[in-house]
Protein backbone atom coordinates (compact mmCIF):
# COMPACT_ATOMS: atom_id res chain seq x y z
CA MET A 1 -21.84 -0.23 -28.84
CA LYS A 2 -24.47 0.19 -26.13
CA LEU A 3 -25.06 -2.85 -23.94
CA PRO A 4 -28.62 -4.08 -23.32
CA GLU A 5 -29.98 -2.42 -20.18
CA LYS A 6 -32.03 -5.33 -18.81
CA GLN A 7 -29.97 -8.00 -17.06
CA PRO A 8 -31.49 -11.07 -18.80
CA GLU A 9 -30.90 -9.49 -22.20
CA LYS A 10 -27.38 -8.48 -21.19
CA ASP A 11 -26.60 -12.03 -20.05
CA GLU A 12 -27.91 -13.48 -23.30
CA TRP A 13 -25.90 -10.95 -25.34
CA MET A 14 -22.69 -11.84 -23.47
CA THR A 15 -23.27 -15.59 -23.81
CA THR A 16 -24.06 -15.45 -27.53
CA THR A 17 -23.09 -12.38 -29.56
CA CYS A 18 -20.15 -11.21 -27.44
CA ASN A 19 -18.83 -14.73 -26.89
CA HIS A 20 -18.86 -15.62 -30.60
CA ALA A 21 -17.38 -12.25 -31.58
CA LEU A 22 -14.51 -12.76 -29.15
CA TYR A 23 -13.36 -15.99 -30.81
CA ALA A 24 -13.74 -14.44 -34.26
CA ILE A 25 -11.64 -11.42 -33.28
CA VAL A 26 -8.84 -13.63 -31.90
CA ASP A 27 -8.89 -15.76 -35.07
CA VAL A 28 -8.57 -12.69 -37.31
CA PHE A 29 -5.92 -11.20 -35.02
CA THR A 30 -3.87 -14.40 -35.27
CA GLN A 31 -4.19 -14.51 -39.04
CA TYR A 32 -2.91 -10.94 -39.40
CA TYR A 33 -0.74 -10.80 -36.28
CA ASP A 34 2.31 -9.33 -38.06
CA VAL A 35 0.28 -6.24 -38.93
CA LEU A 36 -2.17 -6.04 -36.01
CA GLY A 37 0.08 -7.23 -33.15
CA PRO A 38 2.23 -4.13 -32.74
CA LEU A 39 -0.84 -1.89 -33.06
CA LEU A 40 -3.62 -3.57 -31.10
CA LEU A 41 -2.27 -6.31 -28.81
CA GLU A 42 -2.56 -4.22 -25.63
CA GLU A 43 -6.14 -3.29 -26.52
CA LEU A 44 -7.00 -6.93 -27.17
CA TYR A 45 -5.53 -7.93 -23.79
CA SER A 46 -7.67 -5.22 -22.19
CA GLN A 47 -10.77 -6.66 -23.85
CA LEU A 48 -9.93 -10.17 -22.64
CA HIS A 49 -9.43 -8.79 -19.14
CA TRP A 50 -12.82 -7.06 -19.37
CA CYS A 51 -14.48 -10.33 -20.42
CA VAL A 52 -13.29 -12.27 -17.36
CA GLN A 53 -14.49 -9.50 -15.05
CA GLN A 54 -18.11 -9.78 -16.18
CA ASP A 55 -20.47 -11.84 -14.07
CA ASN A 56 -21.00 -14.28 -16.93
CA GLU A 57 -19.28 -17.63 -16.57
CA GLN A 58 -19.36 -18.55 -20.26
CA LEU A 59 -17.80 -15.25 -21.32
CA ALA A 60 -15.23 -15.40 -18.51
CA ARG A 61 -14.14 -18.91 -19.52
CA SER A 62 -13.99 -17.84 -23.17
CA GLY A 63 -11.76 -14.92 -22.20
CA THR A 64 -9.11 -17.20 -20.69
CA ASN A 65 -9.49 -19.71 -23.52
CA CYS A 66 -8.98 -17.00 -26.14
CA LEU A 67 -5.91 -15.76 -24.26
CA GLU A 68 -4.45 -19.27 -24.41
CA ASN A 69 -5.22 -19.63 -28.13
CA LEU A 70 -3.75 -16.22 -28.89
CA VAL A 71 -0.48 -16.86 -27.06
CA ASN A 72 -0.01 -20.44 -28.28
CA SER A 73 -0.66 -19.36 -31.88
CA ASN A 74 1.58 -16.27 -31.87
CA GLY A 75 4.04 -16.71 -29.00
CA ASN A 76 6.91 -17.63 -31.31
CA LYS A 77 6.65 -14.11 -32.76
CA PHE A 78 6.62 -12.32 -29.40
CA THR A 79 9.39 -9.93 -28.38
CA GLU A 80 10.59 -9.53 -24.81
CA GLY A 81 8.30 -6.50 -24.50
CA THR A 82 5.34 -8.49 -25.80
CA TRP A 83 5.95 -11.24 -23.26
CA GLU A 84 6.06 -8.57 -20.55
CA LYS A 85 2.59 -7.38 -21.59
CA THR A 86 1.35 -10.97 -21.85
CA CYS A 87 2.52 -11.92 -18.35
CA GLN A 88 1.08 -8.69 -16.97
CA CYS A 89 -2.27 -9.52 -18.56
CA MET A 90 -2.28 -12.92 -16.84
CA LEU A 91 -1.30 -11.36 -13.52
CA ASP A 92 -4.05 -8.72 -13.85
CA ILE A 93 -6.64 -11.43 -14.53
CA PHE A 94 -5.43 -13.44 -11.53
CA ASN A 95 -5.51 -10.46 -9.18
CA SER A 96 -8.91 -9.23 -10.32
CA THR A 97 -10.59 -12.63 -9.99
CA VAL A 98 -9.43 -13.74 -6.54
CA PRO A 99 -12.70 -14.63 -4.75
CA SER A 100 -11.55 -12.90 -1.56
CA ALA A 101 -15.07 -12.65 -0.13
CA LEU A 102 -15.13 -16.44 0.30
CA LEU A 103 -13.00 -15.90 3.41
CA THR A 104 -15.01 -12.97 4.79
CA TRP A 105 -18.66 -13.50 3.79
CA LYS A 106 -21.14 -13.61 6.67
CA PRO A 107 -24.93 -14.07 6.70
CA GLU A 108 -26.92 -10.87 7.15
CA SER A 109 -28.23 -12.16 10.48
CA MET A 110 -24.70 -12.28 11.86
CA LYS A 111 -23.89 -8.83 10.46
CA THR A 112 -27.07 -7.38 11.95
CA THR A 113 -26.36 -8.92 15.34
CA ALA A 114 -22.87 -7.45 15.26
CA VAL A 115 -24.27 -3.98 14.47
CA ILE A 116 -26.88 -4.26 17.22
CA GLU A 117 -24.30 -5.30 19.81
CA GLN A 118 -21.91 -2.57 18.70
CA ASN A 119 -24.60 0.09 19.03
CA GLY A 120 -25.84 -1.18 22.35
CA ASP A 121 -29.34 -1.94 20.97
CA ILE A 122 -29.87 -5.27 22.68
CA GLY A 123 -33.59 -4.95 23.37
CA PRO A 124 -35.69 -7.65 21.69
CA ASN A 125 -37.95 -5.21 19.84
CA LYS A 126 -35.09 -3.20 18.36
CA GLY A 127 -33.27 -6.36 17.33
CA ILE A 128 -36.31 -7.78 15.56
CA LEU A 129 -36.99 -4.53 13.70
CA LYS A 130 -33.43 -4.21 12.46
CA ARG A 131 -33.31 -7.81 11.26
CA SER A 132 -36.63 -7.60 9.43
CA SER A 133 -35.54 -4.53 7.49
CA TYR A 134 -32.88 -6.66 5.77
CA HIS A 135 -34.88 -9.83 5.29
CA GLN A 136 -36.51 -9.13 1.93
CA ASP A 137 -33.25 -8.51 0.08
CA ILE A 138 -31.10 -11.22 1.68
CA ASN A 139 -31.79 -14.02 -0.79
CA VAL A 140 -31.37 -11.78 -3.83
CA ASP A 141 -28.12 -10.29 -2.50
CA ASN A 142 -26.74 -13.72 -1.61
CA THR A 143 -27.52 -15.10 -5.06
CA GLU A 144 -25.70 -12.24 -6.79
CA VAL A 145 -22.70 -12.45 -4.47
CA PHE A 146 -22.50 -16.24 -4.69
CA ASN A 147 -22.76 -16.21 -8.49
CA SER A 148 -19.94 -13.68 -8.69
CA LEU A 149 -17.76 -15.72 -6.32
CA ALA A 150 -18.43 -18.94 -8.24
CA ILE A 151 -17.43 -17.28 -11.52
CA LYS A 152 -14.23 -15.88 -10.00
CA SER A 153 -13.34 -19.32 -8.65
CA ALA A 154 -13.94 -20.82 -12.10
CA VAL A 155 -11.73 -18.19 -13.75
CA GLN A 156 -8.91 -18.84 -11.29
CA LEU A 157 -9.02 -22.54 -12.17
CA GLU A 158 -9.22 -21.79 -15.90
CA LEU A 159 -6.25 -19.44 -15.73
CA ILE A 160 -4.12 -21.99 -13.88
CA GLN A 161 -4.80 -24.43 -16.72
CA THR A 162 -4.15 -21.68 -19.28
CA ILE A 163 -0.71 -20.96 -17.81
CA ASP A 164 0.10 -24.68 -17.77
CA ASN A 165 -1.05 -25.06 -21.39
CA ILE A 166 0.91 -22.01 -22.55
CA ILE A 167 4.17 -22.99 -20.86
CA PHE A 168 4.10 -26.75 -21.45
CA PHE A 169 1.52 -27.13 -24.27
CA PRO A 170 -1.95 -28.67 -23.75
CA ALA A 171 -2.12 -32.23 -22.36
CA THR A 172 1.65 -32.38 -21.67
CA SER A 173 1.26 -32.23 -17.89
CA ARG A 174 -1.44 -34.93 -17.92
CA LYS A 175 0.89 -37.20 -19.89
CA GLU A 176 3.68 -36.58 -17.36
CA ASP A 177 1.34 -37.42 -14.48
CA ALA A 178 0.35 -40.64 -16.23
CA GLU A 179 4.02 -41.55 -16.79
CA THR A 180 4.85 -40.83 -13.13
CA LEU A 181 1.98 -43.02 -11.93
CA ALA A 182 3.00 -45.79 -14.36
CA PHE A 183 6.56 -45.69 -13.01
CA ALA A 184 5.33 -45.82 -9.41
CA THR A 185 3.06 -48.76 -10.23
CA ALA A 186 5.88 -50.64 -11.97
CA ASP A 187 8.23 -49.87 -9.07
CA MET A 188 6.02 -51.87 -6.71
CA THR A 189 7.00 -55.01 -8.61
CA GLY A 190 10.63 -54.00 -9.00
CA GLY A 191 10.30 -53.09 -12.67
CA GLY A 192 10.35 -49.30 -12.52
CA SER A 193 13.03 -47.44 -14.43
CA LEU A 194 13.33 -43.74 -13.61
CA THR A 195 14.25 -42.22 -16.95
CA GLU A 196 13.30 -38.86 -18.39
CA CYS A 197 10.90 -39.30 -21.33
CA GLN A 198 12.09 -37.26 -24.28
CA ARG A 199 9.41 -35.17 -25.98
CA ASP A 200 9.38 -32.25 -28.35
CA GLU A 201 9.29 -28.83 -26.67
CA GLN A 202 5.95 -27.58 -27.98
CA GLY A 203 5.07 -25.06 -25.29
CA MET A 204 6.30 -21.51 -24.79
CA TYR A 205 8.70 -22.40 -21.96
CA ARG A 206 11.85 -21.69 -24.02
CA LEU A 207 10.54 -18.31 -25.14
CA LEU A 208 9.78 -17.00 -21.66
CA SER A 209 12.58 -15.37 -19.67
CA SER A 210 13.38 -16.61 -16.17
CA PRO A 211 12.02 -13.41 -14.52
CA HIS A 212 8.73 -13.86 -16.36
CA LEU A 213 8.46 -17.53 -15.36
CA LEU A 214 9.26 -16.68 -11.75
CA GLN A 215 6.63 -13.95 -11.88
CA LEU A 216 4.04 -16.51 -12.95
CA THR A 217 5.15 -18.97 -10.25
CA GLU A 218 4.62 -16.29 -7.61
CA CYS A 219 1.12 -15.75 -8.94
CA LEU A 220 0.40 -19.49 -8.83
CA LEU A 221 1.75 -19.67 -5.29
CA GLN A 222 -0.61 -16.91 -4.13
CA SER A 223 -3.53 -18.72 -5.77
CA HIS A 224 -2.49 -21.96 -4.03
CA ARG A 225 -2.19 -20.27 -0.63
CA PHE A 226 -5.59 -18.64 -0.98
CA ALA A 227 -7.19 -21.99 -1.80
CA LYS A 228 -5.44 -23.61 1.18
CA ALA A 229 -6.64 -20.87 3.52
CA PHE A 230 -10.21 -21.46 2.39
CA ASN A 231 -10.05 -25.25 2.48
CA ILE A 232 -8.84 -25.41 6.08
CA ASN A 233 -11.36 -22.77 7.25
CA HIS A 234 -14.10 -25.26 8.09
CA ASP A 235 -16.27 -22.73 9.95
CA GLN A 236 -16.40 -20.41 6.95
CA ARG A 237 -17.09 -23.28 4.56
CA ASN A 238 -19.95 -24.44 6.79
CA LEU A 239 -21.45 -20.93 6.79
CA LEU A 240 -21.39 -20.82 2.99
CA TRP A 241 -22.73 -24.36 2.75
CA LYS A 242 -25.70 -23.63 5.00
CA ALA A 243 -26.37 -20.44 3.05
CA GLY A 244 -26.66 -22.46 -0.17
CA TYR A 245 -23.40 -21.57 -1.87
CA LYS A 246 -22.62 -24.07 -4.66
CA GLY A 247 -25.49 -26.45 -4.05
CA SER A 248 -25.73 -29.26 -1.51
CA ALA A 249 -22.04 -30.14 -1.02
CA LYS A 250 -19.73 -28.24 1.31
CA PRO A 251 -17.76 -25.83 -0.93
CA ASN A 252 -14.03 -26.30 -1.43
CA LEU A 253 -11.22 -25.07 -3.67
CA LEU A 254 -9.46 -28.42 -3.82
CA LYS A 255 -8.78 -28.31 -7.56
CA GLN A 256 -7.36 -24.81 -7.30
CA GLU A 257 -5.23 -25.87 -4.33
CA THR A 258 -3.69 -28.88 -6.09
CA GLN A 259 -3.54 -27.72 -9.72
CA SER A 260 -1.91 -24.37 -8.93
CA LEU A 261 0.78 -26.13 -6.88
CA ALA A 262 1.34 -28.80 -9.53
CA CYS A 263 1.85 -26.18 -12.25
CA LEU A 264 4.10 -24.13 -9.98
CA MET A 265 6.26 -27.16 -9.14
CA ARG A 266 6.56 -28.26 -12.77
CA ILE A 267 7.83 -24.83 -13.76
CA LEU A 268 10.37 -24.66 -10.92
CA PHE A 269 11.64 -28.23 -11.39
CA LYS A 270 12.05 -27.65 -15.13
CA MET A 271 13.96 -24.39 -14.58
CA TYR A 272 16.08 -26.12 -11.93
CA CYS A 273 17.34 -28.62 -14.54
CA ASP A 274 17.72 -26.10 -17.35
CA GLU A 275 21.37 -25.36 -18.14
CA ASP A 276 20.35 -22.15 -19.92
CA ARG A 277 18.99 -20.72 -16.65
CA GLN A 278 22.04 -21.33 -14.45
CA GLU A 279 22.27 -17.69 -13.39
CA HIS A 280 18.90 -18.07 -11.64
CA TRP A 281 19.50 -21.50 -10.12
CA SER A 282 20.13 -20.19 -6.60
CA ILE A 283 16.83 -18.26 -6.63
CA ILE A 284 14.99 -21.24 -8.10
CA GLU A 285 16.48 -23.65 -5.53
CA THR A 286 15.51 -21.42 -2.61
CA LYS A 287 11.96 -21.04 -3.90
CA LEU A 288 11.64 -24.74 -4.69
CA ILE A 289 12.75 -25.77 -1.21
CA THR A 290 10.33 -23.28 0.37
CA VAL A 291 7.41 -24.50 -1.75
CA CYS A 292 8.11 -28.22 -1.21
CA GLN A 293 8.65 -27.82 2.51
CA GLU A 294 5.44 -25.81 2.86
CA ALA A 295 3.56 -28.43 0.84
CA LEU A 296 4.78 -31.35 2.97
CA GLU A 297 4.00 -29.49 6.21
CA TYR A 298 0.48 -28.76 4.97
CA PHE A 299 -0.07 -32.40 3.94
CA LEU A 300 0.80 -33.52 7.46
CA ARG A 301 -1.91 -31.23 8.87
CA LEU A 302 -4.71 -32.58 6.67
CA GLN A 303 -7.44 -34.36 8.63
CA SER A 304 -9.57 -35.69 5.78
CA GLU A 305 -8.56 -38.91 4.05
CA ASN A 306 -10.13 -37.70 0.80
CA HIS A 307 -8.13 -34.48 1.02
CA ARG A 308 -4.89 -36.41 1.53
CA GLU A 309 -5.77 -38.71 -1.36
CA ALA A 310 -6.17 -35.68 -3.65
CA TRP A 311 -2.53 -34.86 -2.91
CA THR A 312 -1.20 -38.24 -4.07
CA SER A 313 -0.21 -37.03 -7.55
CA LEU A 314 1.51 -33.97 -6.05
CA LEU A 315 3.60 -36.07 -3.67
CA LEU A 316 4.47 -38.47 -6.50
CA LEU A 317 5.60 -35.47 -8.54
CA VAL A 318 7.86 -34.22 -5.72
CA MET A 319 9.34 -37.65 -4.93
CA THR A 320 10.09 -38.64 -8.52
CA ARG A 321 11.69 -35.26 -9.24
CA LEU A 322 13.84 -35.67 -6.13
CA LEU A 323 14.98 -39.08 -7.32
CA LYS A 324 15.99 -37.64 -10.70
CA MET A 325 18.32 -35.09 -9.06
CA PRO A 326 22.09 -35.62 -8.87
CA ASP A 327 23.40 -36.58 -5.43
CA ASN A 328 24.53 -33.08 -4.43
CA ARG A 329 21.12 -31.56 -5.10
CA PHE A 330 19.29 -34.54 -3.64
CA ALA A 331 21.25 -34.04 -0.41
CA VAL A 332 20.39 -30.33 -0.22
CA HIS A 333 16.67 -31.00 -0.55
CA ILE A 334 16.43 -34.13 1.60
CA SER A 335 18.23 -32.43 4.47
CA ARG A 336 15.27 -30.01 4.61
CA TYR A 337 12.48 -32.54 4.08
CA TYR A 338 13.76 -35.57 6.02
CA PRO A 339 11.80 -35.05 9.28
CA LEU A 340 8.62 -34.39 7.27
CA LEU A 341 9.09 -37.53 5.18
CA CYS A 342 9.52 -39.56 8.36
CA GLU A 343 6.14 -38.26 9.58
CA ILE A 344 4.49 -39.03 6.22
CA VAL A 345 5.49 -42.69 6.63
CA CYS A 346 2.95 -42.91 9.47
CA PHE A 347 0.03 -42.15 7.12
CA ASP A 348 -2.03 -44.75 5.28
CA LEU A 349 -0.63 -43.93 1.86
CA LYS A 350 -1.47 -45.40 -1.51
CA ALA A 351 0.76 -48.31 -2.49
CA GLU A 352 2.35 -46.38 -5.38
CA LEU A 353 3.33 -43.52 -3.09
CA ARG A 354 4.72 -45.88 -0.44
CA SER A 355 6.89 -47.53 -3.08
CA ILE A 356 8.36 -44.21 -4.28
CA LEU A 357 8.88 -43.03 -0.70
CA ARG A 358 10.77 -46.27 -0.04
CA ARG A 359 13.05 -45.45 -2.98
CA VAL A 360 13.75 -42.02 -1.53
CA PHE A 361 14.77 -43.49 1.85
CA LEU A 362 16.92 -46.15 0.18
CA ARG A 363 18.79 -43.47 -1.71
CA ILE A 364 19.41 -41.45 1.46
CA GLY A 365 21.72 -44.24 2.70
CA PRO A 366 24.52 -43.99 0.11
CA VAL A 367 24.14 -40.23 -0.48
CA PHE A 368 24.73 -39.48 3.21
CA HIS A 369 27.28 -42.33 3.58
CA ILE A 370 25.06 -44.34 5.89
CA THR A 371 25.25 -47.41 3.67
CA THR A 372 27.70 -48.42 0.97
CA THR A 373 25.14 -49.38 -1.70
C-alpha cells in the first residue's frame, strides 16, 4: 500500500487507519496464534518495530501497547526460540528509540559560530552572512528534531512499562510499591511486619529464561544511565529549554531514570530469591550489588530536593528487599553499601524512609556481632 505523500495526510493516516488496523491485526493474530504464530510472528514484530520508528506519537505508543498485548496473550505458548525473537524485538525497539541527540543538540547559532571560528572567518560581515543563511530554516528544523526526540523519549518510557507489565503483569509493581509504603508507614509507629505478600504469578517471569531476563535488565540499565546522564547535564537541559523543547518547563527524563531502575531492580531481586535460578545467582548478585551501589552513589550527588524526593520509592524498594534477605546475603550487600548509607543519614529524608533506614542499621548490629539482639 502506498503511503500518502503529503505530511498532514500521512500523519492522519497513521493516527487513524494504521493505528486501528494495528490493533485489529494483533487481535486476529492472537485468536489464531497456533496457526499464524510459527508463520508470521517475525513479520509482525518487524511491523511493530516499524510503527515505533515513525514520527507519530500515537502510532509509536500503540506499537508498544500491541507488543505487550501480544506477548501477555500468547506468551504461555512461546517456545525458547520465540522468546529469543521477542526479547530481540524489545531490544531493537529500545536501541532504535534512544533519543541520543538530547545530549548533543546545539542551536544553529552555536554551530555556525563554531564553523566560523574553525575556518578563521572572524570578520563581522562574514559572520553575519553565514548566520543569516541558516536563519529561515532554524525554527522548522528545530520543531522536527524536537518532535522526533519527544516521541523517542515517550517510546522509551512506554517500553519500560511494557517490559514491567510483561514480566510481572500489569499493576503488580504498583501494588508492591503501595505495600512497601504501607509497611514503612506502619513501621514508624512500631506496627510494621515485613512479610512477603503471596500473590498469583500472572506475568511471564516464569516462562523467561535467566539469560533473557538478564538481557532485558542490561537494556533497562542502559536506558537508566542515559536518563541520568541527561538529567545531570544542566547546561544541555538549559539549552533545550531556551530553544523551546517540551514547552515552558526545563526538560528532564526523571520518569525514565526512576522507572527503568525500579523495573531492573525488581527483576534482579526476584531472580536473586528464585531457587530455580540458583545457577545464575553469582551473576545476579554481582549485578545487583553494582546497580544498588551505583544508585546510592548517584542519590548522594543529587542537588535538587525534588529530584531526591522522586527517588524515595526506589530507596524504599532497596531497603525493604535488603531487610528480607537472610543474614549471609544481608552481610554481603551491607558491607558494600554501609559508607553510602551513613552519608544518606545526613539528608532530610521522608519519615517513612528514615524509619526503614533505622531498621537496616539496627539489623547490622547482630548480623556483624556488634550487638547481641
